[in-house]
Amino acid sequence: MYVDNAGWTPRRRGAMIFPRLLIRKAVMPSFELRVNGSAQTITVRDANEPLLYVLRNKLRLTGVKFGCGLAQCGACTVLIDGAPARSCTLPVSMAAGRAITTIEGLGSPDKPHPVQAAFIAEQAAQCGYCTNGMVMTAVGLLAAKPNATIDEAKAALAGNLCRCGTHQRILRAVMRAAGRSPA
Protein backbone atom coordinates (compact mmCIF):
# COMPACT_ATOMS: atom_id res chain seq x y z
CA MET A 1 0.00 0.00 0.00
CA TYR A 2 1.15 3.52 -0.60
CA VAL A 3 -0.07 7.02 0.24
CA ASP A 4 -0.97 9.53 -2.46
CA ASN A 5 -0.89 13.20 -1.38
CA ALA A 6 -2.01 14.47 -4.80
CA GLY A 7 -5.61 15.25 -3.75
CA TRP A 8 -6.19 18.53 -1.90
CA THR A 9 -9.48 19.27 -0.14
CA PRO A 10 -10.58 22.56 1.39
CA ARG A 11 -12.07 22.18 4.89
CA ARG A 12 -14.45 25.09 4.52
CA ARG A 13 -14.83 28.11 2.33
CA GLY A 14 -11.96 30.54 2.87
CA ALA A 15 -10.07 28.19 5.18
CA MET A 16 -6.65 26.70 4.64
CA ILE A 17 -6.32 23.78 2.29
CA PHE A 18 -5.28 20.47 3.87
CA PRO A 19 -4.07 17.44 1.99
CA ARG A 20 -6.48 14.57 1.63
CA LEU A 21 -4.67 11.26 2.00
CA LEU A 22 -5.72 8.64 -0.45
CA ILE A 23 -4.87 5.09 0.42
CA ARG A 24 -4.67 2.89 -2.67
CA LYS A 25 -3.94 -0.74 -3.03
CA ALA A 26 -0.70 -1.24 -4.94
CA VAL A 27 -1.19 -3.09 -8.21
CA MET A 28 1.27 -5.95 -8.46
CA PRO A 29 2.07 -7.24 -11.94
CA SER A 30 1.27 -10.83 -12.89
CA PHE A 31 2.99 -12.85 -15.57
CA GLU A 32 2.24 -16.11 -17.31
CA LEU A 33 5.36 -18.29 -17.35
CA ARG A 34 5.88 -21.67 -19.03
CA VAL A 35 8.32 -23.44 -16.73
CA ASN A 36 9.38 -27.02 -17.50
CA GLY A 37 6.31 -27.45 -19.70
CA SER A 38 3.85 -26.23 -17.09
CA ALA A 39 1.95 -22.91 -17.21
CA GLN A 40 2.40 -20.82 -14.07
CA THR A 41 0.84 -17.46 -13.19
CA ILE A 42 3.22 -15.48 -11.02
CA THR A 43 2.52 -12.22 -9.19
CA VAL A 44 5.56 -10.13 -8.30
CA ARG A 45 6.12 -6.77 -6.64
CA ASP A 46 8.32 -5.51 -9.45
CA ALA A 47 8.29 -6.48 -13.13
CA ASN A 48 12.10 -6.19 -13.08
CA GLU A 49 12.49 -8.85 -10.37
CA PRO A 50 15.12 -11.33 -11.58
CA LEU A 51 13.76 -14.59 -12.95
CA LEU A 52 16.16 -16.39 -10.58
CA TYR A 53 14.26 -15.12 -7.53
CA VAL A 54 10.91 -16.17 -8.98
CA LEU A 55 12.19 -19.66 -9.82
CA ARG A 56 13.80 -20.24 -6.43
CA ASN A 57 11.49 -18.37 -4.04
CA LYS A 58 8.05 -18.65 -5.64
CA LEU A 59 8.27 -21.90 -7.62
CA ARG A 60 10.78 -23.64 -5.28
CA LEU A 61 12.99 -24.73 -8.20
CA THR A 62 16.26 -24.64 -6.32
CA GLY A 63 18.44 -26.35 -8.91
CA VAL A 64 19.13 -22.91 -10.35
CA LYS A 65 21.73 -21.24 -8.10
CA PHE A 66 22.63 -17.70 -7.11
CA GLY A 67 26.34 -17.27 -7.74
CA CYS A 68 27.43 -13.73 -8.50
CA GLY A 69 24.22 -11.87 -9.35
CA LEU A 70 26.03 -10.26 -12.30
CA ALA A 71 25.61 -12.94 -15.01
CA GLN A 72 29.33 -13.71 -14.87
CA CYS A 73 29.55 -17.16 -13.25
CA GLY A 74 26.79 -19.20 -14.93
CA ALA A 75 25.36 -20.87 -11.81
CA CYS A 76 21.94 -19.35 -12.58
CA THR A 77 21.73 -20.59 -16.18
CA VAL A 78 18.35 -21.73 -17.50
CA LEU A 79 17.16 -22.36 -21.04
CA ILE A 80 14.87 -19.72 -22.51
CA ASP A 81 13.29 -21.04 -25.71
CA GLY A 82 16.13 -23.59 -25.82
CA ALA A 83 18.99 -21.10 -25.48
CA PRO A 84 21.09 -20.65 -22.31
CA ALA A 85 20.30 -17.46 -20.39
CA ARG A 86 21.45 -16.06 -17.05
CA SER A 87 18.40 -15.82 -14.82
CA CYS A 88 20.04 -13.60 -12.19
CA THR A 89 19.87 -10.54 -14.46
CA LEU A 90 16.89 -11.45 -16.66
CA PRO A 91 13.73 -9.62 -15.52
CA VAL A 92 10.73 -11.90 -15.08
CA SER A 93 8.80 -9.62 -17.43
CA MET A 94 11.21 -10.53 -20.26
CA ALA A 95 10.64 -14.26 -19.67
CA ALA A 96 6.84 -14.08 -19.74
CA GLY A 97 5.28 -16.28 -22.41
CA ARG A 98 8.57 -17.96 -23.27
CA ALA A 99 9.55 -21.59 -22.64
CA ILE A 100 11.74 -21.74 -19.53
CA THR A 101 13.59 -24.96 -18.72
CA THR A 102 15.41 -25.48 -15.45
CA ILE A 103 17.59 -28.43 -14.51
CA GLU A 104 14.56 -29.97 -12.78
CA GLY A 105 12.84 -30.10 -16.18
CA LEU A 106 15.61 -32.00 -17.98
CA GLY A 107 15.44 -35.51 -16.60
CA SER A 108 14.67 -37.56 -13.55
CA PRO A 109 16.83 -39.66 -11.23
CA ASP A 110 15.51 -42.78 -12.99
CA LYS A 111 15.94 -41.40 -16.51
CA PRO A 112 18.46 -38.55 -16.61
CA HIS A 113 18.93 -36.35 -19.67
CA PRO A 114 21.90 -37.55 -21.81
CA VAL A 115 24.03 -34.61 -20.62
CA GLN A 116 23.19 -35.38 -17.00
CA ALA A 117 24.04 -39.05 -17.58
CA ALA A 118 27.37 -38.03 -19.13
CA PHE A 119 28.17 -35.79 -16.14
CA ILE A 120 27.47 -38.75 -13.84
CA ALA A 121 29.56 -41.16 -15.92
CA GLU A 122 32.51 -38.74 -16.05
CA GLN A 123 32.14 -37.74 -12.37
CA ALA A 124 32.12 -34.14 -13.55
CA ALA A 125 30.71 -32.65 -10.36
CA GLN A 126 32.71 -32.07 -7.22
CA CYS A 127 30.92 -29.62 -4.93
CA GLY A 128 28.03 -29.33 -7.42
CA TYR A 129 27.43 -25.60 -7.21
CA CYS A 130 28.38 -24.93 -10.85
CA THR A 131 26.78 -28.11 -12.18
CA ASN A 132 23.42 -26.49 -12.98
CA GLY A 133 25.05 -23.88 -15.19
CA MET A 134 27.45 -26.32 -16.83
CA VAL A 135 24.70 -28.83 -17.64
CA MET A 136 22.24 -26.21 -18.90
CA THR A 137 24.89 -24.55 -21.07
CA ALA A 138 25.94 -27.93 -22.47
CA VAL A 139 22.32 -28.85 -23.22
CA GLY A 140 21.87 -25.55 -25.07
CA LEU A 141 25.09 -26.09 -27.01
CA LEU A 142 24.24 -29.65 -28.04
CA ALA A 143 20.69 -28.66 -29.02
CA ALA A 144 22.12 -26.05 -31.38
CA LYS A 145 25.15 -28.13 -32.49
CA PRO A 146 24.65 -31.85 -31.82
CA ASN A 147 28.15 -32.66 -33.11
CA ALA A 148 29.95 -29.90 -31.20
CA THR A 149 33.73 -30.06 -31.11
CA ILE A 150 35.83 -29.73 -27.98
CA ASP A 151 36.74 -26.18 -29.00
CA GLU A 152 33.06 -25.28 -29.38
CA ALA A 153 32.38 -26.79 -25.95
CA LYS A 154 35.24 -24.79 -24.44
CA ALA A 155 33.90 -21.60 -26.03
CA ALA A 156 30.33 -22.28 -24.84
CA LEU A 157 31.45 -23.04 -21.28
CA ALA A 158 33.99 -20.19 -21.08
CA GLY A 159 31.58 -18.01 -19.09
CA ASN A 160 30.82 -20.72 -16.53
CA LEU A 161 33.03 -20.84 -13.46
CA CYS A 162 33.99 -23.98 -11.54
CA ARG A 163 36.02 -23.18 -8.46
CA CYS A 164 36.77 -26.87 -7.79
CA GLY A 165 38.71 -27.22 -11.03
CA THR A 166 36.76 -30.04 -12.69
CA HIS A 167 36.88 -28.38 -16.11
CA GLN A 168 38.56 -31.35 -17.81
CA ARG A 169 35.92 -33.79 -16.52
CA ILE A 170 33.17 -31.36 -17.54
CA LEU A 171 34.58 -31.16 -21.08
CA ARG A 172 34.82 -34.98 -21.22
CA ALA A 173 31.17 -35.17 -20.14
CA VAL A 174 30.07 -32.75 -22.86
CA MET A 175 32.01 -34.71 -25.48
CA ARG A 176 30.50 -37.97 -24.20
CA ALA A 177 27.01 -36.48 -24.48
CA ALA A 178 27.85 -35.37 -28.04
CA GLY A 179 28.97 -38.89 -28.87
CA ARG A 180 32.59 -37.84 -29.38
CA SER A 181 35.86 -38.77 -27.83
CA PRO A 182 37.31 -35.92 -25.73
CA ALA A 183 40.52 -35.84 -27.85
C-alpha atoms as a PDB file:
ATOM      1  CA  MET A   1       0.000   0.000   0.000  1.00  0.00           C
ATOM      2  CA  TYR A   2       1.146   3.521  -0.605  1.00  0.00           C
ATOM      3  CA  VAL A   3      -0.067   7.018   0.236  1.00  0.00           C
ATOM      4  CA  ASP A   4      -0.967   9.528  -2.457  1.00  0.00           C
ATOM      5  CA  ASN A   5      -0.886  13.199  -1.384  1.00  0.00           C
ATOM      6  CA  ALA A   6      -2.007  14.473  -4.799  1.00  0.00           C
ATOM      7  CA  GLY A   7      -5.605  15.248  -3.749  1.00  0.00           C
ATOM      8  CA  TRP A   8      -6.189  18.527  -1.901  1.00  0.00           C
ATOM      9  CA  THR A   9      -9.479  19.272  -0.140  1.00  0.00           C
ATOM     10  CA  PRO A  10     -10.584  22.564   1.391  1.00  0.00           C
ATOM     11  CA  ARG A  11     -12.067  22.180   4.895  1.00  0.00           C
ATOM     12  CA  ARG A  12     -14.451  25.093   4.519  1.00  0.00           C
ATOM     13  CA  ARG A  13     -14.829  28.107   2.331  1.00  0.00           C
ATOM     14  CA  GLY A  14     -11.959  30.540   2.871  1.00  0.00           C
ATOM     15  CA  ALA A  15     -10.070  28.189   5.182  1.00  0.00           C
ATOM     16  CA  MET A  16      -6.647  26.696   4.638  1.00  0.00           C
ATOM     17  CA  ILE A  17      -6.321  23.777   2.292  1.00  0.00           C
ATOM     18  CA  PHE A  18      -5.282  20.466   3.868  1.00  0.00           C
ATOM     19  CA  PRO A  19      -4.067  17.438   1.990  1.00  0.00           C
ATOM     20  CA  ARG A  20      -6.477  14.570   1.634  1.00  0.00           C
ATOM     21  CA  LEU A  21      -4.669  11.258   1.998  1.00  0.00           C
ATOM     22  CA  LEU A  22      -5.721   8.641  -0.454  1.00  0.00           C
ATOM     23  CA  ILE A  23      -4.874   5.092   0.416  1.00  0.00           C
ATOM     24  CA  ARG A  24      -4.673   2.894  -2.674  1.00  0.00           C
ATOM     25  CA  LYS A  25      -3.944  -0.742  -3.031  1.00  0.00           C
ATOM     26  CA  ALA A  26      -0.705  -1.244  -4.935  1.00  0.00           C
ATOM     27  CA  VAL A  27      -1.186  -3.086  -8.210  1.00  0.00           C
ATOM     28  CA  MET A  28       1.269  -5.953  -8.457  1.00  0.00           C
ATOM     29  CA  PRO A  29       2.069  -7.239 -11.943  1.00  0.00           C
ATOM     30  CA  SER A  30       1.274 -10.826 -12.888  1.00  0.00           C
ATOM     31  CA  PHE A  31       2.993 -12.855 -15.569  1.00  0.00           C
ATOM     32  CA  GLU A  32       2.238 -16.108 -17.314  1.00  0.00           C
ATOM     33  CA  LEU A  33       5.358 -18.294 -17.346  1.00  0.00           C
ATOM     34  CA  ARG A  34       5.876 -21.671 -19.027  1.00  0.00           C
ATOM     35  CA  VAL A  35       8.319 -23.443 -16.734  1.00  0.00           C
ATOM     36  CA  ASN A  36       9.376 -27.019 -17.499  1.00  0.00           C
ATOM     37  CA  GLY A  37       6.306 -27.455 -19.703  1.00  0.00           C
ATOM     38  CA  SER A  38       3.848 -26.231 -17.087  1.00  0.00           C
ATOM     39  CA  ALA A  39       1.949 -22.913 -17.213  1.00  0.00           C
ATOM     40  CA  GLN A  40       2.399 -20.820 -14.071  1.00  0.00           C
ATOM     41  CA  THR A  41       0.845 -17.465 -13.188  1.00  0.00           C
ATOM     42  CA  ILE A  42       3.223 -15.483 -11.022  1.00  0.00           C
ATOM     43  CA  THR A  43       2.516 -12.222  -9.189  1.00  0.00           C
ATOM     44  CA  VAL A  44       5.558 -10.131  -8.295  1.00  0.00           C
ATOM     45  CA  ARG A  45       6.125  -6.770  -6.645  1.00  0.00           C
ATOM     46  CA  ASP A  46       8.319  -5.514  -9.446  1.00  0.00           C
ATOM     47  CA  ALA A  47       8.290  -6.478 -13.129  1.00  0.00           C
ATOM     48  CA  ASN A  48      12.096  -6.194 -13.075  1.00  0.00           C
ATOM     49  CA  GLU A  49      12.490  -8.850 -10.374  1.00  0.00           C
ATOM     50  CA  PRO A  50      15.117 -11.332 -11.584  1.00  0.00           C
ATOM     51  CA  LEU A  51      13.757 -14.592 -12.949  1.00  0.00           C
ATOM     52  CA  LEU A  52      16.163 -16.390 -10.585  1.00  0.00           C
ATOM     53  CA  TYR A  53      14.263 -15.122  -7.532  1.00  0.00           C
ATOM     54  CA  VAL A  54      10.910 -16.174  -8.981  1.00  0.00           C
ATOM     55  CA  LEU A  55      12.186 -19.663  -9.822  1.00  0.00           C
ATOM     56  CA  ARG A  56      13.804 -20.239  -6.429  1.00  0.00           C
ATOM     57  CA  ASN A  57      11.487 -18.369  -4.041  1.00  0.00           C
ATOM     58  CA  LYS A  58       8.051 -18.649  -5.640  1.00  0.00           C
ATOM     59  CA  LEU A  59       8.273 -21.896  -7.618  1.00  0.00           C
ATOM     60  CA  ARG A  60      10.776 -23.640  -5.281  1.00  0.00           C
ATOM     61  CA  LEU A  61      12.992 -24.734  -8.197  1.00  0.00           C
ATOM     62  CA  THR A  62      16.262 -24.635  -6.318  1.00  0.00           C
ATOM     63  CA  GLY A  63      18.445 -26.354  -8.910  1.00  0.00           C
ATOM     64  CA  VAL A  64      19.132 -22.911 -10.347  1.00  0.00           C
ATOM     65  CA  LYS A  65      21.731 -21.244  -8.098  1.00  0.00           C
ATOM     66  CA  PHE A  66      22.633 -17.699  -7.106  1.00  0.00           C
ATOM     67  CA  GLY A  67      26.343 -17.266  -7.737  1.00  0.00           C
ATOM     68  CA  CYS A  68      27.430 -13.733  -8.498  1.00  0.00           C
ATOM     69  CA  GLY A  69      24.217 -11.865  -9.352  1.00  0.00           C
ATOM     70  CA  LEU A  70      26.032 -10.259 -12.299  1.00  0.00           C
ATOM     71  CA  ALA A  71      25.606 -12.938 -15.011  1.00  0.00           C
ATOM     72  CA  GLN A  72      29.325 -13.714 -14.865  1.00  0.00           C
ATOM     73  CA  CYS A  73      29.552 -17.165 -13.250  1.00  0.00           C
ATOM     74  CA  GLY A  74      26.793 -19.202 -14.929  1.00  0.00           C
ATOM     75  CA  ALA A  75      25.361 -20.872 -11.807  1.00  0.00           C
ATOM     76  CA  CYS A  76      21.940 -19.348 -12.576  1.00  0.00           C
ATOM     77  CA  THR A  77      21.728 -20.587 -16.176  1.00  0.00           C
ATOM     78  CA  VAL A  78      18.348 -21.730 -17.502  1.00  0.00           C
ATOM     79  CA  LEU A  79      17.157 -22.360 -21.036  1.00  0.00           C
ATOM     80  CA  ILE A  80      14.868 -19.725 -22.509  1.00  0.00           C
ATOM     81  CA  ASP A  81      13.293 -21.041 -25.709  1.00  0.00           C
ATOM     82  CA  GLY A  82      16.129 -23.587 -25.824  1.00  0.00           C
ATOM     83  CA  ALA A  83      18.994 -21.104 -25.484  1.00  0.00           C
ATOM     84  CA  PRO A  84      21.092 -20.651 -22.311  1.00  0.00           C
ATOM     85  CA  ALA A  85      20.300 -17.458 -20.392  1.00  0.00           C
ATOM     86  CA  ARG A  86      21.453 -16.065 -17.053  1.00  0.00           C
ATOM     87  CA  SER A  87      18.395 -15.822 -14.820  1.00  0.00           C
ATOM     88  CA  CYS A  88      20.035 -13.600 -12.193  1.00  0.00           C
ATOM     89  CA  THR A  89      19.866 -10.539 -14.460  1.00  0.00           C
ATOM     90  CA  LEU A  90      16.887 -11.453 -16.659  1.00  0.00           C
ATOM     91  CA  PRO A  91      13.730  -9.620 -15.521  1.00  0.00           C
ATOM     92  CA  VAL A  92      10.731 -11.902 -15.077  1.00  0.00           C
ATOM     93  CA  SER A  93       8.799  -9.616 -17.431  1.00  0.00           C
ATOM     94  CA  MET A  94      11.210 -10.535 -20.257  1.00  0.00           C
ATOM     95  CA  ALA A  95      10.642 -14.264 -19.670  1.00  0.00           C
ATOM     96  CA  ALA A  96       6.842 -14.081 -19.739  1.00  0.00           C
ATOM     97  CA  GLY A  97       5.282 -16.279 -22.407  1.00  0.00           C
ATOM     98  CA  ARG A  98       8.574 -17.962 -23.271  1.00  0.00           C
ATOM     99  CA  ALA A  99       9.548 -21.587 -22.643  1.00  0.00           C
ATOM    100  CA  ILE A 100      11.742 -21.743 -19.530  1.00  0.00           C
ATOM    101  CA  THR A 101      13.591 -24.956 -18.722  1.00  0.00           C
ATOM    102  CA  THR A 102      15.414 -25.478 -15.449  1.00  0.00           C
ATOM    103  CA  ILE A 103      17.591 -28.430 -14.510  1.00  0.00           C
ATOM    104  CA  GLU A 104      14.558 -29.968 -12.778  1.00  0.00           C
ATOM    105  CA  GLY A 105      12.845 -30.100 -16.180  1.00  0.00           C
ATOM    106  CA  LEU A 106      15.610 -32.004 -17.982  1.00  0.00           C
ATOM    107  CA  GLY A 107      15.442 -35.509 -16.602  1.00  0.00           C
ATOM    108  CA  SER A 108      14.670 -37.561 -13.550  1.00  0.00           C
ATOM    109  CA  PRO A 109      16.827 -39.662 -11.227  1.00  0.00           C
ATOM    110  CA  ASP A 110      15.511 -42.778 -12.994  1.00  0.00           C
ATOM    111  CA  LYS A 111      15.938 -41.400 -16.512  1.00  0.00           C
ATOM    112  CA  PRO A 112      18.463 -38.550 -16.615  1.00  0.00           C
ATOM    113  CA  HIS A 113      18.933 -36.353 -19.668  1.00  0.00           C
ATOM    114  CA  PRO A 114      21.901 -37.554 -21.806  1.00  0.00           C
ATOM    115  CA  VAL A 115      24.025 -34.606 -20.624  1.00  0.00           C
ATOM    116  CA  GLN A 116      23.189 -35.383 -16.995  1.00  0.00           C
ATOM    117  CA  ALA A 117      24.038 -39.049 -17.583  1.00  0.00           C
ATOM    118  CA  ALA A 118      27.372 -38.032 -19.135  1.00  0.00           C
ATOM    119  CA  PHE A 119      28.171 -35.794 -16.137  1.00  0.00           C
ATOM    120  CA  ILE A 120      27.469 -38.745 -13.835  1.00  0.00           C
ATOM    121  CA  ALA A 121      29.559 -41.156 -15.919  1.00  0.00           C
ATOM    122  CA  GLU A 122      32.513 -38.741 -16.048  1.00  0.00           C
ATOM    123  CA  GLN A 123      32.139 -37.743 -12.373  1.00  0.00           C
ATOM    124  CA  ALA A 124      32.120 -34.141 -13.552  1.00  0.00           C
ATOM    125  CA  ALA A 125      30.710 -32.645 -10.357  1.00  0.00           C
ATOM    126  CA  GLN A 126      32.710 -32.065  -7.223  1.00  0.00           C
ATOM    127  CA  CYS A 127      30.917 -29.616  -4.931  1.00  0.00           C
ATOM    128  CA  GLY A 128      28.027 -29.335  -7.420  1.00  0.00           C
ATOM    129  CA  TYR A 129      27.430 -25.603  -7.207  1.00  0.00           C
ATOM    130  CA  CYS A 130      28.376 -24.928 -10.846  1.00  0.00           C
ATOM    131  CA  THR A 131      26.779 -28.107 -12.175  1.00  0.00           C
ATOM    132  CA  ASN A 132      23.423 -26.495 -12.983  1.00  0.00           C
ATOM    133  CA  GLY A 133      25.054 -23.880 -15.194  1.00  0.00           C
ATOM    134  CA  MET A 134      27.451 -26.317 -16.828  1.00  0.00           C
ATOM    135  CA  VAL A 135      24.698 -28.830 -17.640  1.00  0.00           C
ATOM    136  CA  MET A 136      22.236 -26.214 -18.905  1.00  0.00           C
ATOM    137  CA  THR A 137      24.886 -24.549 -21.073  1.00  0.00           C
ATOM    138  CA  ALA A 138      25.939 -27.930 -22.468  1.00  0.00           C
ATOM    139  CA  VAL A 139      22.315 -28.845 -23.221  1.00  0.00           C
ATOM    140  CA  GLY A 140      21.867 -25.546 -25.070  1.00  0.00           C
ATOM    141  CA  LEU A 141      25.088 -26.086 -27.013  1.00  0.00           C
ATOM    142  CA  LEU A 142      24.236 -29.650 -28.037  1.00  0.00           C
ATOM    143  CA  ALA A 143      20.692 -28.664 -29.017  1.00  0.00           C
ATOM    144  CA  ALA A 144      22.119 -26.052 -31.382  1.00  0.00           C
ATOM    145  CA  LYS A 145      25.150 -28.126 -32.492  1.00  0.00           C
ATOM    146  CA  PRO A 146      24.653 -31.853 -31.816  1.00  0.00           C
ATOM    147  CA  ASN A 147      28.152 -32.663 -33.108  1.00  0.00           C
ATOM    148  CA  ALA A 148      29.950 -29.898 -31.201  1.00  0.00           C
ATOM    149  CA  THR A 149      33.733 -30.062 -31.106  1.00  0.00           C
ATOM    150  CA  ILE A 150      35.827 -29.734 -27.980  1.00  0.00           C
ATOM    151  CA  ASP A 151      36.740 -26.183 -28.999  1.00  0.00           C
ATOM    152  CA  GLU A 152      33.062 -25.276 -29.377  1.00  0.00           C
ATOM    153  CA  ALA A 153      32.379 -26.793 -25.953  1.00  0.00           C
ATOM    154  CA  LYS A 154      35.243 -24.786 -24.441  1.00  0.00           C
ATOM    155  CA  ALA A 155      33.897 -21.596 -26.032  1.00  0.00           C
ATOM    156  CA  ALA A 156      30.328 -22.278 -24.836  1.00  0.00           C
ATOM    157  CA  LEU A 157      31.453 -23.036 -21.277  1.00  0.00           C
ATOM    158  CA  ALA A 158      33.992 -20.192 -21.075  1.00  0.00           C
ATOM    159  CA  GLY A 159      31.582 -18.012 -19.093  1.00  0.00           C
ATOM    160  CA  ASN A 160      30.820 -20.723 -16.528  1.00  0.00           C
ATOM    161  CA  LEU A 161      33.029 -20.840 -13.455  1.00  0.00           C
ATOM    162  CA  CYS A 162      33.992 -23.978 -11.538  1.00  0.00           C
ATOM    163  CA  ARG A 163      36.017 -23.183  -8.458  1.00  0.00           C
ATOM    164  CA  CYS A 164      36.767 -26.866  -7.787  1.00  0.00           C
ATOM    165  CA  GLY A 165      38.706 -27.223 -11.033  1.00  0.00           C
ATOM    166  CA  THR A 166      36.762 -30.044 -12.689  1.00  0.00           C
ATOM    167  CA  HIS A 167      36.877 -28.377 -16.107  1.00  0.00           C
ATOM    168  CA  GLN A 168      38.560 -31.350 -17.811  1.00  0.00           C
ATOM    169  CA  ARG A 169      35.924 -33.787 -16.518  1.00  0.00           C
ATOM    170  CA  ILE A 170      33.169 -31.356 -17.536  1.00  0.00           C
ATOM    171  CA  LEU A 171      34.578 -31.164 -21.079  1.00  0.00           C
ATOM    172  CA  ARG A 172      34.821 -34.976 -21.218  1.00  0.00           C
ATOM    173  CA  ALA A 173      31.168 -35.173 -20.140  1.00  0.00           C
ATOM    174  CA  VAL A 174      30.066 -32.745 -22.857  1.00  0.00           C
ATOM    175  CA  MET A 175      32.009 -34.710 -25.476  1.00  0.00           C
ATOM    176  CA  ARG A 176      30.497 -37.973 -24.195  1.00  0.00           C
ATOM    177  CA  ALA A 177      27.007 -36.482 -24.482  1.00  0.00           C
ATOM    178  CA  ALA A 178      27.852 -35.368 -28.044  1.00  0.00           C
ATOM    179  CA  GLY A 179      28.974 -38.892 -28.867  1.00  0.00           C
ATOM    180  CA  ARG A 180      32.586 -37.839 -29.376  1.00  0.00           C
ATOM    181  CA  SER A 181      35.863 -38.768 -27.825  1.00  0.00           C
ATOM    182  CA  PRO A 182      37.307 -35.918 -25.732  1.00  0.00           C
ATOM    183  CA  ALA A 183      40.524 -35.842 -27.854  1.00  0.00           C
END
